[in-house]
Amino acid sequence: MKKKLWLLFNISISVVFIWMALRGIDFNELSHSFRGIVFSYAIAAVLFNLFSCWLRAVRLHYMTLPIQRVKIMNYFASVMIGFMVNNILPFRLGELMRGYALKKSDGMSFSVSMGIIVVERIIDVMSLLIIFGVLTFFYPFPEWVKSGGLLVTVVVVIVIAVLVMMIQRTEVTLRMFYKIIAVVSKEAAQGSNRLLTSFLTGVRFLHDFKNYVWISLMTFLIWTMFTVSIFSMFYSMNLQSEGLGMFEAGVFMVFTCFAIMIPAAPGYVGTFHEIAKQSLLLFGIDKEKALGFAIIVHALNYISITGVGFVYFLRSNLQLKQALSNSVEDRSNLDTASELIN
């Protein structure tokens, strides 16, 4: 029942955002925005985006070197499979499928792989927040955006401080979280400690300074390639003639990355389109052109990522039902993660 309500909630959010995106749109003008697309630039945009996904696999390789050596292509396959599943199924089941794919291809513990994925998400969010904070200093954004940038800076500092404490004082941190949560429920406290143990396994790479350099470089290149992909789409739809360049592509990239973090229907329908549209309205682009651009970018990324992910899914002989049943079993047993930390 809870899952059905959560799914209904996600779909409702998408419906609201679709209504917001379409509100006041002249559909004749919207159709005009799809004309004259330069497909060579669009293809380049797709390739740049897929390359950013491959760089994610390279980053994962360096993140897990202290734990287990995994081939970059196996990571790439798991990343694309995960994205594909997230595009077609609810509840972010792609994350579970990623963990199962790595367990099947390399024998990686499900608990460890999920801890790594959590760390990866934190790195993504923190790096995006930093980029967003920097962007607010170089463009006259509305006051609400600038205030958000300041808040973002504070949040990043707090998160980094907590993360450092967790790494340097692991046992103290685990005991502290246990005591706090145990006030409400001892069972919940035990569960949270298991999850934290798994998470701390995922940040073992932070104990090696060389990994800081590689992972920081990979993170920078991931967002750079994604931004270049958007920049290429500006040329594909002739928006560079309206003054849109790399800076604007960076803003679009940050806004849409945050958009896909909002609960929504599979494929981030609605949330992506409305927030992408709003990011271009900041630069004076007509709402029809802005929405048309958002629709094309979303469609190209959806088709290409889902297609590549589906190919790897078939090649890996994976089954979603099997992945879910395995994940449930493994969640109750995080001993491997604990041993790796100690």
Protein backbone atom coordinates (compact mmCIF):
# COMPACT_ATOMS: atom_id res chain seq x y z
CA MET A 1 0.00 0.00 0.00
CA LYS A 2 2.84 2.38 0.90
CA LYS A 3 4.53 1.72 -2.46
CA LYS A 4 1.31 2.45 -4.33
CA LEU A 5 0.86 5.72 -2.44
CA TRP A 6 4.48 6.69 -3.09
CA LEU A 7 4.11 5.89 -6.78
CA LEU A 8 0.92 7.94 -6.92
CA PHE A 9 2.72 10.80 -5.19
CA ASN A 10 5.58 10.68 -7.70
CA ILE A 11 3.20 10.61 -10.66
CA SER A 12 1.25 13.52 -9.16
CA ILE A 13 4.45 15.56 -8.94
CA SER A 14 5.17 14.86 -12.60
CA VAL A 15 1.63 15.85 -13.59
CA VAL A 16 1.93 19.14 -11.69
CA PHE A 17 5.27 19.94 -13.32
CA ILE A 18 3.94 19.04 -16.77
CA TRP A 19 1.06 21.46 -16.19
CA MET A 20 3.51 24.14 -15.09
CA ALA A 21 5.71 23.52 -18.14
CA LEU A 22 2.76 23.75 -20.56
CA ARG A 23 0.98 26.65 -18.87
CA GLY A 24 0.70 29.63 -21.23
CA ILE A 25 2.52 27.84 -24.07
CA ASP A 26 1.60 28.64 -27.67
CA PHE A 27 1.71 25.18 -29.25
CA ASN A 28 2.18 26.56 -32.76
CA GLU A 29 5.30 28.39 -31.57
CA LEU A 30 6.39 25.28 -29.71
CA SER A 31 6.21 23.23 -32.90
CA HIS A 32 8.34 25.86 -34.68
CA SER A 33 11.11 25.32 -32.12
CA PHE A 34 11.55 21.75 -33.36
CA ARG A 35 12.30 22.83 -36.92
CA GLY A 36 15.76 23.22 -38.36
CA ILE A 37 17.53 20.96 -35.88
CA VAL A 38 21.12 20.33 -36.96
CA PHE A 39 21.48 16.60 -36.39
CA SER A 40 25.29 16.52 -36.50
CA TYR A 41 25.39 18.69 -33.36
CA ALA A 42 22.61 16.62 -31.78
CA ILE A 43 24.57 13.40 -32.37
CA ALA A 44 27.68 15.03 -30.90
CA ALA A 45 25.62 16.04 -27.85
CA VAL A 46 24.50 12.43 -27.34
CA LEU A 47 28.09 11.16 -27.63
CA PHE A 48 29.37 13.74 -25.13
CA ASN A 49 26.64 12.72 -22.70
CA LEU A 50 27.46 9.02 -23.07
CA PHE A 51 31.14 9.85 -22.58
CA SER A 52 30.22 11.54 -19.27
CA CYS A 53 28.59 8.24 -18.26
CA TRP A 54 31.78 6.38 -19.14
CA LEU A 55 33.75 8.83 -16.99
CA ARG A 56 31.44 7.86 -14.12
CA ALA A 57 32.65 4.29 -14.58
CA VAL A 58 36.27 5.47 -14.46
CA ARG A 59 35.55 7.40 -11.25
CA LEU A 60 33.93 4.33 -9.69
CA HIS A 61 37.01 2.30 -10.61
CA TYR A 62 39.24 4.62 -8.57
CA MET A 63 36.72 4.87 -5.74
CA THR A 64 36.72 1.12 -5.21
CA LEU A 65 40.42 0.36 -5.70
CA PRO A 66 40.98 0.11 -1.91
CA ILE A 67 38.07 -2.34 -1.70
CA GLN A 68 37.99 -4.39 -4.90
CA ARG A 69 39.38 -4.08 -8.41
CA VAL A 70 36.60 -4.00 -11.01
CA LYS A 71 36.95 -3.49 -14.77
CA ILE A 72 35.87 -0.06 -15.99
CA MET A 73 33.61 -1.60 -18.64
CA ASN A 74 31.79 -3.59 -15.96
CA TYR A 75 31.16 -0.37 -14.09
CA PHE A 76 30.01 1.30 -17.29
CA ALA A 77 27.58 -1.55 -17.92
CA SER A 78 26.17 -1.28 -14.38
CA VAL A 79 25.81 2.51 -14.66
CA MET A 80 23.95 2.31 -17.98
CA ILE A 81 21.73 -0.53 -16.75
CA GLY A 82 20.87 1.48 -13.66
CA PHE A 83 20.01 4.59 -15.68
CA MET A 84 17.90 2.50 -18.05
CA VAL A 85 15.88 0.95 -15.24
CA ASN A 86 15.36 4.37 -13.61
CA ASN A 87 14.02 5.61 -16.94
CA ILE A 88 11.35 2.94 -17.24
CA LEU A 89 10.51 1.81 -13.69
CA PRO A 90 9.54 3.69 -10.50
CA PHE A 91 11.18 3.81 -7.03
CA ARG A 92 14.72 4.34 -8.40
CA LEU A 93 15.03 0.59 -8.84
CA GLY A 94 17.99 1.23 -11.12
CA GLU A 95 20.20 1.68 -8.05
CA LEU A 96 19.33 -1.83 -6.86
CA MET A 97 19.93 -3.18 -10.35
CA ARG A 98 23.37 -1.55 -10.43
CA GLY A 99 24.28 -3.31 -7.21
CA TYR A 100 23.00 -6.64 -8.51
CA ALA A 101 24.86 -6.21 -11.81
CA LEU A 102 28.16 -5.71 -9.97
CA LYS A 103 27.45 -8.68 -7.71
CA LYS A 104 26.85 -10.88 -10.73
CA SER A 105 29.78 -9.65 -12.85
CA ASP A 106 32.44 -9.25 -10.14
CA GLY A 107 31.07 -10.82 -6.98
CA MET A 108 30.94 -7.47 -5.20
CA SER A 109 28.90 -7.53 -2.01
CA PHE A 110 25.53 -5.87 -2.52
CA SER A 111 25.94 -3.91 0.71
CA VAL A 112 29.32 -2.58 -0.41
CA SER A 113 28.09 -1.66 -3.89
CA MET A 114 25.11 0.20 -2.42
CA GLY A 115 27.44 2.05 -0.07
CA ILE A 116 29.56 3.07 -3.06
CA ILE A 117 26.47 4.30 -4.92
CA VAL A 118 25.45 6.41 -1.91
CA VAL A 119 28.94 7.94 -1.81
CA GLU A 120 28.77 8.60 -5.54
CA ARG A 121 25.49 10.46 -5.10
CA ILE A 122 26.95 12.56 -2.28
CA ILE A 123 29.94 13.49 -4.44
CA ASP A 124 27.60 14.46 -7.28
CA VAL A 125 25.41 16.61 -5.05
CA MET A 126 28.32 18.31 -3.31
CA SER A 127 30.13 19.06 -6.57
CA LEU A 128 26.93 20.43 -8.14
CA LEU A 129 26.34 22.62 -5.10
CA ILE A 130 29.87 23.98 -5.38
CA ILE A 131 29.40 24.70 -9.10
CA PHE A 132 26.06 26.36 -8.39
CA GLY A 133 27.58 28.47 -5.63
CA VAL A 134 30.37 29.63 -7.97
CA LEU A 135 27.93 30.44 -10.79
CA THR A 136 25.91 32.77 -8.53
CA PHE A 137 28.98 35.04 -8.22
CA PHE A 138 29.33 35.51 -11.99
CA TYR A 139 25.78 36.25 -13.11
CA PRO A 140 23.08 38.67 -11.87
CA PHE A 141 20.65 35.94 -10.86
CA PRO A 142 17.43 36.88 -9.06
CA GLU A 143 17.80 37.34 -5.30
CA TRP A 144 16.16 34.00 -4.53
CA VAL A 145 18.82 32.25 -6.60
CA LYS A 146 21.66 34.15 -4.87
CA SER A 147 20.19 33.34 -1.46
CA GLY A 148 20.06 29.72 -2.53
CA GLY A 149 23.73 29.92 -3.47
CA LEU A 150 24.64 31.17 0.00
CA LEU A 151 22.56 28.44 1.62
CA VAL A 152 24.23 25.91 -0.66
CA THR A 153 27.68 27.01 0.54
CA VAL A 154 26.66 26.54 4.16
CA VAL A 155 25.21 23.09 3.45
CA VAL A 156 28.38 21.98 1.62
CA VAL A 157 30.59 23.08 4.53
CA ILE A 158 28.41 21.18 7.03
CA VAL A 159 28.33 18.04 4.88
CA ILE A 160 32.11 18.08 4.41
CA ALA A 161 32.62 18.55 8.16
CA VAL A 162 30.34 15.59 8.98
CA LEU A 163 31.99 13.45 6.30
CA VAL A 164 35.49 14.19 7.65
CA MET A 165 34.34 13.33 11.17
CA MET A 166 32.85 10.05 9.94
CA ILE A 167 36.10 9.11 8.23
CA GLN A 168 38.51 10.18 10.97
CA ARG A 169 36.42 9.09 13.97
CA THR A 170 34.45 6.16 12.64
CA GLU A 171 33.73 4.36 15.91
CA VAL A 172 32.82 7.58 17.71
CA THR A 173 30.49 8.58 14.88
CA LEU A 174 28.74 5.21 14.82
CA ARG A 175 28.19 5.30 18.59
CA MET A 176 26.90 8.87 18.44
CA PHE A 177 24.38 8.11 15.69
CA TYR A 178 23.30 4.95 17.49
CA LYS A 179 22.59 6.80 20.74
CA ILE A 180 20.65 9.55 18.98
CA ILE A 181 18.45 7.21 16.93
CA ALA A 182 18.05 4.67 19.76
CA VAL A 183 16.06 7.27 21.66
CA VAL A 184 13.31 6.68 19.10
CA SER A 185 13.92 3.02 18.25
CA LYS A 186 16.75 0.59 18.98
CA GLU A 187 15.86 -1.43 15.91
CA ALA A 188 16.11 1.68 13.74
CA ALA A 189 19.42 2.54 15.41
CA GLN A 190 20.84 -0.90 14.57
CA GLY A 191 19.63 -0.57 10.98
CA SER A 192 21.14 2.91 10.63
CA ASN A 193 24.47 1.66 11.95
CA ARG A 194 24.50 -1.11 9.36
CA LEU A 195 23.82 1.43 6.62
CA LEU A 196 26.50 3.78 7.98
CA THR A 197 28.96 0.90 8.10
CA SER A 198 28.22 0.17 4.45
CA PHE A 199 28.54 3.86 3.61
CA LEU A 200 31.89 4.15 5.37
CA THR A 201 33.13 1.22 3.33
CA GLY A 202 32.35 3.30 0.27
CA VAL A 203 34.51 6.19 1.46
CA ARG A 204 37.63 4.14 2.13
CA PHE A 205 39.16 5.74 -0.96
CA LEU A 206 39.29 9.03 0.97
CA HIS A 207 42.11 7.64 3.12
CA ASP A 208 44.43 7.82 0.11
CA PHE A 209 45.30 11.34 -1.06
CA LYS A 210 46.06 10.18 -4.61
CA ASN A 211 42.46 9.09 -4.97
CA TYR A 212 41.30 12.61 -4.07
CA VAL A 213 43.08 13.89 -7.15
CA TRP A 214 41.73 11.25 -9.54
CA ILE A 215 38.17 11.39 -8.26
CA SER A 216 38.13 15.19 -8.27
CA LEU A 217 39.46 15.20 -11.83
CA MET A 218 36.87 12.63 -12.96
CA THR A 219 34.05 14.58 -11.30
CA PHE A 220 35.18 17.78 -13.03
CA LEU A 221 35.34 16.00 -16.40
CA ILE A 222 31.91 14.38 -15.89
CA TRP A 223 30.20 17.75 -15.45
CA THR A 224 32.35 19.33 -18.18
CA MET A 225 31.28 16.71 -20.73
CA PHE A 226 27.65 17.07 -19.70
CA THR A 227 27.95 20.85 -20.11
CA VAL A 228 29.62 20.47 -23.52
CA SER A 229 26.73 18.19 -24.49
CA ILE A 230 24.25 20.96 -23.66
CA PHE A 231 26.43 23.51 -25.46
CA SER A 232 26.38 21.31 -28.55
CA MET A 233 22.57 21.17 -28.35
CA PHE A 234 22.47 24.98 -28.31
CA TYR A 235 24.10 24.87 -31.75
CA SER A 236 21.80 22.05 -32.85
CA MET A 237 18.75 24.23 -32.16
CA ASN A 238 20.39 27.56 -33.11
CA LEU A 239 20.20 28.97 -29.58
CA GLN A 240 23.80 30.15 -29.70
CA SER A 241 22.49 32.95 -31.94
CA GLU A 242 20.56 34.21 -28.91
CA GLY A 243 23.67 34.51 -26.80
CA LEU A 244 23.72 31.10 -25.12
CA GLY A 245 27.21 29.76 -24.51
CA MET A 246 29.17 27.56 -22.13
CA PHE A 247 28.17 29.54 -19.04
CA GLU A 248 24.48 29.19 -19.85
CA ALA A 249 25.03 25.50 -20.61
CA GLY A 250 26.58 25.14 -17.15
CA VAL A 251 23.55 26.76 -15.52
CA PHE A 252 21.22 24.49 -17.51
CA MET A 253 23.29 21.47 -16.47
CA VAL A 254 23.13 22.30 -12.75
CA PHE A 255 19.41 23.10 -12.78
CA THR A 256 18.47 19.89 -14.64
CA CYS A 257 20.70 17.71 -12.46
CA PHE A 258 18.86 18.99 -9.42
CA ALA A 259 15.57 18.49 -11.27
CA ILE A 260 16.13 14.75 -11.66
CA MET A 261 16.67 14.45 -7.90
CA ILE A 262 13.06 15.48 -7.29
CA PRO A 263 10.65 12.53 -6.81
CA ALA A 264 8.79 12.03 -10.09
CA ALA A 265 7.47 9.47 -12.53
CA PRO A 266 10.05 7.23 -14.28
CA GLY A 267 12.26 9.18 -16.66
CA TYR A 268 11.91 12.40 -14.63
CA VAL A 269 9.03 13.50 -16.86
CA GLY A 270 7.75 16.96 -16.03
CA THR A 271 10.32 17.92 -13.40
CA PHE A 272 13.11 17.94 -15.99
CA HIS A 273 11.06 19.89 -18.53
CA GLU A 274 9.79 22.64 -16.25
CA ILE A 275 13.08 23.30 -14.47
CA ALA A 276 15.02 23.13 -17.74
CA LYS A 277 12.59 25.67 -19.20
CA GLN A 278 12.98 27.96 -16.18
CA SER A 279 16.77 27.84 -16.43
CA LEU A 280 16.62 29.18 -20.02
CA LEU A 281 14.01 31.80 -19.15
CA LEU A 282 16.66 33.35 -16.87
CA PHE A 283 18.58 34.26 -20.04
CA GLY A 284 15.63 35.76 -21.90
CA ILE A 285 14.78 32.78 -24.12
CA ASP A 286 11.12 32.57 -25.19
CA LYS A 287 9.19 30.01 -23.15
CA GLU A 288 8.24 28.04 -26.28
CA LYS A 289 11.87 27.78 -27.41
CA ALA A 290 12.95 26.95 -23.87
CA LEU A 291 10.39 24.17 -23.52
CA GLY A 292 11.13 22.87 -27.03
CA PHE A 293 14.82 22.68 -26.14
CA ALA A 294 14.01 20.85 -22.89
CA ILE A 295 11.82 18.33 -24.73
CA ILE A 296 14.48 17.55 -27.35
CA VAL A 297 17.33 17.25 -24.83
CA HIS A 298 15.25 14.98 -22.59
CA ALA A 299 14.14 12.81 -25.54
CA LEU A 300 17.67 12.38 -26.93
CA ASN A 301 19.16 11.52 -23.54
CA TYR A 302 16.27 9.22 -22.67
CA ILE A 303 16.43 7.26 -25.92
CA SER A 304 20.23 6.98 -26.04
CA ILE A 305 20.76 6.05 -22.39
CA THR A 306 17.81 3.67 -22.26
CA GLY A 307 18.95 2.04 -25.51
CA VAL A 308 22.55 1.52 -24.41
CA GLY A 309 21.41 0.35 -20.98
CA PHE A 310 19.02 -2.15 -22.52
CA VAL A 311 21.80 -3.63 -24.68
CA TYR A 312 24.00 -4.15 -21.61
CA PHE A 313 20.99 -5.52 -19.70
CA LEU A 314 20.46 -8.19 -22.35
CA ARG A 315 24.16 -9.00 -22.59
CA SER A 316 24.40 -9.43 -18.81
CA ASN A 317 21.43 -11.84 -18.64
CA LEU A 318 19.99 -9.94 -15.69
CA GLN A 319 16.49 -10.31 -14.27
CA LEU A 320 14.84 -7.53 -12.29
CA LYS A 321 12.85 -9.90 -10.07
CA GLN A 322 16.01 -11.78 -9.17
CA ALA A 323 17.83 -8.53 -8.44
CA LEU A 324 15.12 -7.35 -6.04
CA SER A 325 14.98 -10.65 -4.16
CA ASN A 326 18.78 -10.72 -3.82
CA SER A 327 18.89 -7.12 -2.60
CA VAL A 328 16.37 -7.89 0.14
CA GLU A 329 18.49 -10.82 1.35
CA ASP A 330 21.72 -8.85 1.28
CA ARG A 331 20.34 -5.83 3.10
CA SER A 332 20.02 -7.91 6.24
CA ASN A 333 23.63 -8.97 6.11
CA LEU A 334 26.24 -6.20 6.01
CA ASP A 335 29.01 -8.18 7.69
CA THR A 336 31.25 -7.92 4.65
CA ALA A 337 31.14 -4.14 4.74
CA SER A 338 31.98 -4.14 8.45
CA GLU A 339 34.97 -6.42 7.91
CA LEU A 340 36.30 -4.26 5.09
CA ILE A 341 36.25 -1.16 7.29
CA ASN A 342 37.95 -2.85 10.21
